[in-house]
Protein backbone atom coordinates (compact mmCIF):
# COMPACT_ATOMS: atom_id res chain seq x y z
CA MET A 1 -5.00 11.28 -13.02
CA ASP A 2 -6.20 8.96 -10.24
CA VAL A 3 -3.39 6.51 -11.07
CA LEU A 4 -0.83 9.34 -10.92
CA ASN A 5 -2.18 10.54 -7.56
CA LYS A 6 -1.98 7.03 -6.07
CA ASN A 7 1.59 6.43 -7.21
CA ILE A 8 3.36 9.73 -6.54
CA ASP A 9 6.26 9.00 -4.17
CA ARG A 10 6.20 11.67 -1.45
CA SER A 11 8.71 9.95 0.83
CA TRP A 12 11.47 12.49 0.17
CA ILE A 13 9.32 15.33 1.46
CA ASP A 14 7.03 13.64 3.99
CA ASN A 15 10.04 12.54 6.04
CA CYS A 16 10.69 16.20 6.92
CA ASN A 17 9.05 17.58 10.05
CA ASN A 18 9.21 21.11 8.62
CA PRO A 19 8.57 22.52 5.13
CA PHE A 20 11.18 21.29 2.65
CA ILE A 21 13.73 24.06 2.01
CA ILE A 22 16.02 24.27 -1.02
CA SER A 23 18.50 27.14 -0.95
CA GLY A 24 21.74 28.30 -2.50
CA PRO A 25 22.92 30.78 -5.13
CA CYS A 26 21.14 31.59 -8.35
CA SER A 27 24.32 30.61 -10.21
CA ALA A 28 27.47 28.74 -9.29
CA GLU A 29 30.26 31.28 -9.78
CA SER A 30 33.33 29.99 -7.97
CA LYS A 31 34.33 27.27 -5.54
CA MET A 32 34.75 29.88 -2.80
CA GLN A 33 31.26 31.28 -3.41
CA ILE A 34 29.66 27.81 -3.32
CA PHE A 35 31.48 26.76 -0.15
CA ASN A 36 30.95 30.06 1.68
CA THR A 37 27.23 29.98 0.92
CA ALA A 38 26.87 26.30 1.83
CA ASN A 39 28.80 26.77 5.06
CA GLY A 40 26.57 29.70 5.99
CA LEU A 41 23.39 27.73 5.34
CA LEU A 42 24.47 24.52 7.03
CA LYS A 43 26.39 25.78 10.07
CA ASN A 44 25.21 24.83 13.54
CA GLU A 45 21.47 24.10 13.39
CA GLY A 46 21.21 25.11 9.73
CA LYS A 47 20.88 21.48 8.64
CA SER A 48 17.64 21.31 10.62
CA TYR A 49 16.13 23.91 8.32
CA VAL A 50 17.75 23.51 4.90
CA HIS A 51 17.25 20.15 3.21
CA ALA A 52 18.90 20.71 -0.18
CA PHE A 53 21.62 22.96 -1.56
CA ARG A 54 21.00 24.42 -5.01
CA ALA A 55 23.02 26.28 -7.62
CA GLY A 56 22.36 27.03 -11.28
CA ILE A 57 24.98 25.37 -13.49
CA TRP A 58 23.48 26.32 -16.86
CA LYS A 59 21.60 29.62 -17.06
CA PRO A 60 19.16 30.22 -19.94
CA ARG A 61 19.43 33.85 -21.06
CA THR A 62 17.11 35.82 -23.31
CA LYS A 63 20.04 37.36 -25.20
CA PRO A 64 23.54 35.98 -25.89
CA GLY A 65 26.53 37.55 -24.21
CA ASN A 66 25.26 37.39 -20.65
CA PHE A 67 26.61 34.92 -18.10
CA GLU A 68 25.18 31.52 -19.07
CA GLY A 69 26.54 29.38 -16.26
CA ILE A 70 29.84 27.96 -15.09
CA GLY A 71 29.17 24.52 -16.54
CA ILE A 72 30.51 21.13 -15.48
CA GLU A 73 33.01 22.59 -13.00
CA GLY A 74 30.10 23.74 -10.85
CA LEU A 75 28.79 20.17 -10.63
CA LYS A 76 32.07 19.14 -9.01
CA TRP A 77 31.63 21.84 -6.37
CA LEU A 78 28.05 20.72 -5.70
CA ARG A 79 29.17 17.13 -5.30
CA GLU A 80 31.78 18.22 -2.78
CA VAL A 81 29.11 20.10 -0.77
CA LYS A 82 27.08 16.88 -0.71
CA LYS A 83 30.08 14.82 0.39
CA ASN A 84 31.00 17.25 3.17
CA ASN A 85 27.48 17.84 4.52
CA GLY A 86 25.41 14.77 3.64
CA ILE A 87 22.76 17.00 2.04
CA TYR A 88 20.76 16.79 -1.20
CA ILE A 89 22.14 18.84 -4.08
CA ALA A 90 19.95 20.36 -6.79
CA THR A 91 20.23 22.12 -10.14
CA GLU A 92 18.23 22.95 -13.27
CA VAL A 93 18.41 20.81 -16.41
CA ALA A 94 17.26 21.76 -19.89
CA ASN A 95 18.32 18.84 -22.11
CA LYS A 96 19.49 15.23 -22.03
CA GLU A 97 23.16 16.20 -21.84
CA HIS A 98 22.51 18.16 -18.66
CA VAL A 99 20.72 15.13 -17.19
CA LYS A 100 23.60 12.81 -18.08
CA LEU A 101 26.16 15.11 -16.42
CA CYS A 102 24.01 15.48 -13.30
CA ILE A 103 23.66 11.70 -12.98
CA ASN A 104 27.42 11.33 -13.30
CA HIS A 105 27.92 13.86 -10.50
CA ASP A 106 25.36 12.37 -8.08
CA VAL A 107 22.90 15.28 -8.22
CA ASP A 108 19.80 14.32 -6.24
CA ILE A 109 17.24 16.89 -7.36
CA LEU A 110 16.80 18.04 -10.94
CA TRP A 111 14.34 20.74 -11.84
CA ILE A 112 12.90 21.71 -15.19
CA GLY A 113 12.80 25.49 -15.64
CA ALA A 114 9.81 27.60 -16.62
CA ARG A 115 11.01 28.10 -20.19
CA SER A 116 11.67 24.40 -20.67
CA THR A 117 8.24 23.44 -19.30
CA THR A 118 6.66 25.38 -22.17
CA ASN A 119 8.36 23.05 -24.68
CA PRO A 120 6.95 19.48 -24.68
CA PHE A 121 9.83 18.30 -26.89
CA LEU A 122 12.40 19.34 -24.27
CA VAL A 123 10.38 17.86 -21.42
CA GLN A 124 10.08 14.57 -23.31
CA GLU A 125 13.83 14.54 -23.98
CA ILE A 126 14.53 15.04 -20.29
CA ALA A 127 11.98 12.37 -19.31
CA ASP A 128 13.51 9.86 -21.75
CA SER A 129 16.99 10.48 -20.38
CA LEU A 130 15.80 9.79 -16.81
CA VAL A 131 14.54 6.26 -17.48
CA GLY A 132 15.88 3.96 -14.77
CA GLN A 133 16.86 6.84 -12.46
CA ASN A 134 14.15 6.08 -9.91
CA ASP A 135 16.09 7.61 -7.02
CA LYS A 136 16.13 11.07 -8.59
CA ILE A 137 13.71 13.77 -7.45
CA VAL A 138 12.40 15.76 -10.42
CA LEU A 139 10.68 19.10 -9.91
CA VAL A 140 8.77 20.98 -12.61
CA LYS A 141 8.51 24.75 -12.55
CA ASN A 142 5.28 26.23 -13.84
CA PRO A 143 5.43 27.51 -17.43
CA ILE A 144 6.00 31.24 -17.90
CA HIS A 145 2.40 31.85 -18.94
CA PRO A 146 -0.55 30.58 -16.87
CA ASP A 147 -1.14 27.38 -18.86
CA ILE A 148 -2.04 24.65 -16.39
CA GLU A 149 -2.27 21.98 -19.09
CA LEU A 150 1.41 22.43 -19.99
CA TRP A 151 2.33 22.08 -16.33
CA ILE A 152 0.31 18.89 -15.90
CA GLY A 153 1.54 17.56 -19.25
CA ALA A 154 5.16 17.82 -18.11
CA VAL A 155 4.32 15.81 -14.97
CA GLU A 156 2.58 13.13 -17.03
CA ARG A 157 5.56 12.79 -19.40
CA LEU A 158 7.87 12.15 -16.45
CA TYR A 159 5.42 9.76 -14.80
CA LYS A 160 5.05 7.68 -17.97
CA LYS A 161 8.83 7.15 -17.96
CA GLY A 162 8.76 5.66 -14.47
CA ILE A 163 9.66 8.76 -12.45
CA ARG A 164 7.69 8.73 -9.20
CA LYS A 165 9.50 11.29 -7.03
CA ILE A 166 7.91 14.24 -8.80
CA GLY A 167 7.14 17.70 -7.43
CA LEU A 168 6.11 21.14 -8.66
CA ILE A 169 7.70 24.55 -8.21
CA HIS A 170 5.44 27.58 -8.21
CA ARG A 171 7.59 30.50 -9.42
CA GLY A 172 4.83 32.85 -10.56
CA PHE A 173 3.55 33.72 -14.01
CA TYR A 174 4.04 36.44 -16.57
CA THR A 175 0.92 38.61 -16.66
CA TYR A 176 -0.21 41.69 -18.55
CA LYS A 177 1.60 44.02 -16.16
CA SER A 178 2.36 43.27 -12.52
CA LEU A 179 2.72 46.27 -10.23
CA LYS A 180 4.37 44.41 -7.34
CA TYR A 181 6.09 41.33 -8.64
CA ARG A 182 8.51 40.11 -11.25
CA ASN A 183 6.12 37.22 -11.85
CA GLN A 184 2.63 37.46 -10.42
CA PRO A 185 1.79 34.62 -7.99
CA ASN A 186 -1.55 33.83 -9.66
CA TRP A 187 -2.53 31.79 -6.60
CA LYS A 188 -5.68 30.59 -8.34
CA LEU A 189 -3.63 28.20 -10.48
CA VAL A 190 -1.94 26.79 -7.38
CA LEU A 191 -5.36 25.94 -5.96
CA GLU A 192 -6.45 24.44 -9.29
CA ILE A 193 -3.46 22.15 -9.70
CA LYS A 194 -3.68 21.04 -6.06
CA ASN A 195 -7.29 20.10 -6.76
CA ILE A 196 -6.29 18.11 -9.85
CA ILE A 197 -3.16 16.42 -8.41
CA PRO A 198 -3.62 16.70 -4.61
CA GLU A 199 -0.81 14.25 -3.80
CA ILE A 200 1.96 16.04 -5.69
CA PRO A 201 4.32 18.15 -3.54
CA ILE A 202 4.49 21.86 -4.36
CA LEU A 203 7.36 24.16 -3.44
CA CYS A 204 7.06 27.93 -3.75
CA ASP A 205 9.89 29.93 -5.33
CA PRO A 206 9.43 33.43 -3.84
CA SER A 207 12.76 34.60 -5.29
CA HIS A 208 11.42 34.45 -8.84
CA ILE A 209 7.95 35.64 -7.90
CA CYS A 210 9.31 38.78 -6.25
CA GLY A 211 12.44 39.50 -8.26
CA ASN A 212 13.75 41.33 -5.18
CA ARG A 213 14.08 40.87 -1.44
CA ASP A 214 11.24 43.21 -0.43
CA ARG A 215 8.31 40.76 -0.35
CA LEU A 216 10.27 37.53 -0.19
CA PHE A 217 9.16 36.40 3.25
CA ASP A 218 5.62 37.71 2.84
CA ILE A 219 5.18 35.41 -0.19
CA SER A 220 6.90 32.56 1.67
CA ASN A 221 4.47 32.86 4.57
CA LYS A 222 1.40 33.06 2.37
CA SER A 223 2.43 30.09 0.22
CA ILE A 224 2.74 27.72 3.18
CA ARG A 225 0.15 29.20 5.52
CA TYR A 226 -2.73 29.82 3.11
CA PHE A 227 -1.97 27.66 0.06
CA ASN A 228 -0.50 24.58 1.75
CA CYS A 229 2.76 24.57 -0.19
CA ASP A 230 5.12 21.87 1.03
CA GLY A 231 8.27 23.96 1.03
CA LEU A 232 10.31 26.77 -0.48
CA MET A 233 13.11 27.30 -2.96
CA ILE A 234 14.88 30.52 -1.93
CA GLU A 235 18.04 31.87 -3.52
CA SER A 236 20.87 32.73 -1.14
CA HIS A 237 24.42 33.99 -1.59
CA TYR A 238 27.14 34.71 0.95
CA ASP A 239 27.45 38.21 -0.58
CA PRO A 240 24.45 39.03 -2.83
CA SER A 241 25.95 42.38 -3.90
CA LYS A 242 28.65 40.44 -5.76
CA ALA A 243 26.32 37.91 -7.43
CA TRP A 244 26.77 37.49 -11.18
CA SER A 245 23.04 37.04 -11.76
CA ASP A 246 19.81 38.12 -10.04
CA SER A 247 21.62 39.81 -7.16
CA ASN A 248 18.48 41.73 -6.07
CA GLN A 249 16.53 38.59 -5.22
CA GLN A 250 19.20 36.74 -3.26
CA ILE A 251 19.64 36.93 0.52
CA THR A 252 22.43 35.94 2.86
CA PRO A 253 22.31 32.57 4.64
CA ASP A 254 22.02 34.30 8.02
CA ILE A 255 18.91 36.24 6.95
CA LEU A 256 17.29 33.07 5.61
CA LEU A 257 18.03 31.07 8.78
CA ASP A 258 16.67 33.85 10.99
CA PHE A 259 13.45 33.84 8.97
CA LEU A 260 13.10 30.06 9.12
CA LYS A 261 13.64 29.98 12.89
CA SER A 262 11.01 32.65 13.38
CA PHE A 263 8.61 31.00 10.94
CA TYR A 264 8.77 27.59 12.60
CA SER A 265 8.47 29.10 16.06
CA ASN A 266 5.36 31.09 15.15
CA SER A 267 3.71 28.37 13.05
CA ASN A 268 3.71 26.02 16.04
CA LYS A 269 1.82 28.60 18.12
CA ASP A 270 -0.47 30.08 15.50
CA TYR A 271 -2.73 27.28 14.26
CA ILE A 272 -5.50 28.22 11.82
CA THR A 273 -8.56 26.21 10.79
CA LYS A 274 -9.37 25.19 7.23
CA ASN A 275 -12.13 27.80 7.07
CA GLN A 276 -9.72 30.51 8.18
CA ARG A 277 -7.21 29.35 5.61
CA ASP A 278 -9.84 29.34 2.85
CA LEU A 279 -11.00 32.83 3.85
CA GLU A 280 -7.49 34.28 3.63
CA SER A 281 -6.62 32.47 0.42
CA PHE A 282 -9.72 33.79 -1.36
CA ARG A 283 -9.03 37.28 -0.06
CA LEU A 284 -5.58 37.03 -1.65
CA LEU A 285 -7.17 35.97 -4.94
CA ILE A 286 -9.36 39.09 -4.80
CA ASP A 287 -6.33 41.29 -4.01
CA GLU A 288 -4.48 39.87 -6.99
CA LEU A 289 -7.41 40.48 -9.35
CA ASP A 290 -7.78 44.04 -8.03
CA GLU A 291 -4.11 44.66 -8.81
CA ASN A 292 -4.69 43.47 -12.37
CA ILE A 293 -7.71 45.77 -12.74
CA ILE A 294 -5.72 48.78 -11.51
CA SER A 295 -2.85 47.94 -13.86
CA ILE A 296 -5.21 47.70 -16.85
CA LEU A 297 -6.98 50.94 -15.87
CA SER A 298 -3.63 52.70 -15.80
CA GLU A 299 -2.85 51.51 -19.33
CA ARG A 300 -6.34 52.52 -20.51
CA MET A 301 -5.79 56.04 -19.20
CA ASN A 302 -2.43 56.26 -20.99
CA ILE A 303 -4.10 55.34 -24.27
CA SER A 304 -6.80 57.99 -23.66
CA ARG A 305 -4.05 60.63 -23.46
CA LYS A 306 -2.64 59.49 -26.79
CA LEU A 307 -6.12 59.57 -28.30
CA GLY A 308 -6.48 63.19 -27.19
CA ILE A 309 -3.34 64.15 -29.09
CA ILE A 310 -4.44 62.31 -32.24
CA LYS A 311 -7.94 63.88 -32.18
CA LYS A 312 -6.39 67.30 -31.76
CA ASN A 313 -4.11 66.73 -34.75
CA LEU A 314 -7.06 65.50 -36.83
CA ASP A 315 -9.28 68.33 -35.53
CA ILE A 316 -12.15 66.00 -34.58
CA ASN A 317 -14.51 66.02 -31.61
CA ILE A 318 -13.56 64.19 -28.46
CA LEU A 319 -17.04 62.76 -28.04
CA GLN A 320 -17.80 60.10 -30.67
CA PRO A 321 -21.35 58.78 -29.96
CA ASN A 322 -21.25 55.99 -32.56
CA ARG A 323 -18.00 54.63 -31.16
CA TRP A 324 -19.39 54.81 -27.60
CA ASN A 325 -22.55 52.89 -28.58
CA ILE A 326 -20.49 50.15 -30.21
CA ILE A 327 -18.31 49.78 -27.09
CA MET A 328 -21.35 49.53 -24.81
CA LYS A 329 -23.09 46.97 -27.01
CA GLN A 330 -19.99 44.76 -27.27
CA SER A 331 -19.29 44.98 -23.54
CA ILE A 332 -22.86 44.14 -22.51
CA ASN A 333 -22.98 41.13 -24.86
CA LEU A 334 -19.65 39.85 -23.56
CA GLY A 335 -20.80 40.40 -19.99
CA LYS A 336 -23.92 38.33 -20.57
CA ASP A 337 -21.76 35.39 -21.68
CA LEU A 338 -19.71 35.73 -18.50
CA GLY A 339 -22.63 36.21 -16.12
CA ILE A 340 -21.95 39.90 -15.35
CA PRO A 341 -25.07 42.04 -14.70
CA GLU A 342 -25.81 44.54 -17.47
CA GLN A 343 -26.33 47.47 -15.11
CA LEU A 344 -22.98 46.86 -13.44
CA LEU A 345 -21.21 47.07 -16.80
CA LYS A 346 -23.12 50.20 -17.76
CA ASN A 347 -22.09 51.90 -14.53
CA ILE A 348 -18.45 50.90 -14.89
CA PHE A 349 -18.14 51.93 -18.52
CA LYS A 350 -19.96 55.19 -17.91
CA LEU A 351 -17.32 56.12 -15.32
CA LEU A 352 -14.50 55.01 -17.64
CA HIS A 353 -15.95 57.01 -20.51
CA GLN A 354 -16.31 60.14 -18.41
CA GLU A 355 -12.72 59.86 -17.18
CA SER A 356 -11.47 59.26 -20.72
CA ILE A 357 -13.22 62.40 -21.97
CA LYS A 358 -11.78 64.39 -19.07
CA ILE A 359 -8.24 63.17 -19.87
CA GLN A 360 -8.60 63.89 -23.58
CA ASN A 361 -9.95 67.39 -22.91
CA LYS A 362 -7.00 68.08 -20.66
CA THR A 363 -4.59 66.75 -23.27
CA MET A 364 -6.08 68.86 -26.07
CA LYS A 365 -5.83 72.02 -23.99
């Protein structure tokens, strides 16, 4: 890992005075849509804020029949945006054929999507097809599930094939049940991977973390201010209401530029120390864990209601002492392995048990 850290090429991102911004539509839909969005992002001083224009050309879908991307025609539109504006262009690749087509159309930034990162065979295929393409910037989105080894493994596969302009994209993770986000930030993993590969650039993708526009800029602020992310990938569309995919998480170019102007203006005035940053980042980790606890408690209560119905149908008592004793014993033993005080667990599970009995009684009546 030391060799990787020493040889990561950060020149593409360190040359920017401000955080590196990639923006553009979720999917390329038409030439008019691409040009209208690009013109909105890059008009006037827009080029000072947006460093790369993105559009999805191939869209992986869970089920067939949905829009799966415009294909090679969209690459021609991207190349024209680059020619007209002198800006990087970026898109997602998922196999060697995608890479070949992107190379042929002068795409500067290729990113590997979250689903592809989970598959080492696909990552290796992409890495093999990039041999000799040392000018390309390759970004790796985190895998869907919080598996940091898969994320690092994808970086290592690219590095071993001679790719040095490598970066990461934090797009959030699938968790048990997130109350606020499409993909929970799981900031702890961002801190962990920055500790392991401190030299690698990390961009935050608030569009996929949020899944809507509501918390987009809140996540953007936190990612740069408290977790030292190097930039953002934010989806934009000249008319999000007409977008063919993920319309709820896309914003107009004007809204994005207004945010970036405000962000840069405030960040220059509002300096925070490392200790202040660490304090806020750990508070956010606590907030995230609390959300998970609340989500799990909600599900536990739902199951208690179902138990009440089953016990009523079977005509058995709500209180089952043997079952309760087994739960307490298992929980205390597990807590010991994890360094949790026994009395704390007893207090917590006593409250949970009392609430469960109350819910079941109510259900049976």
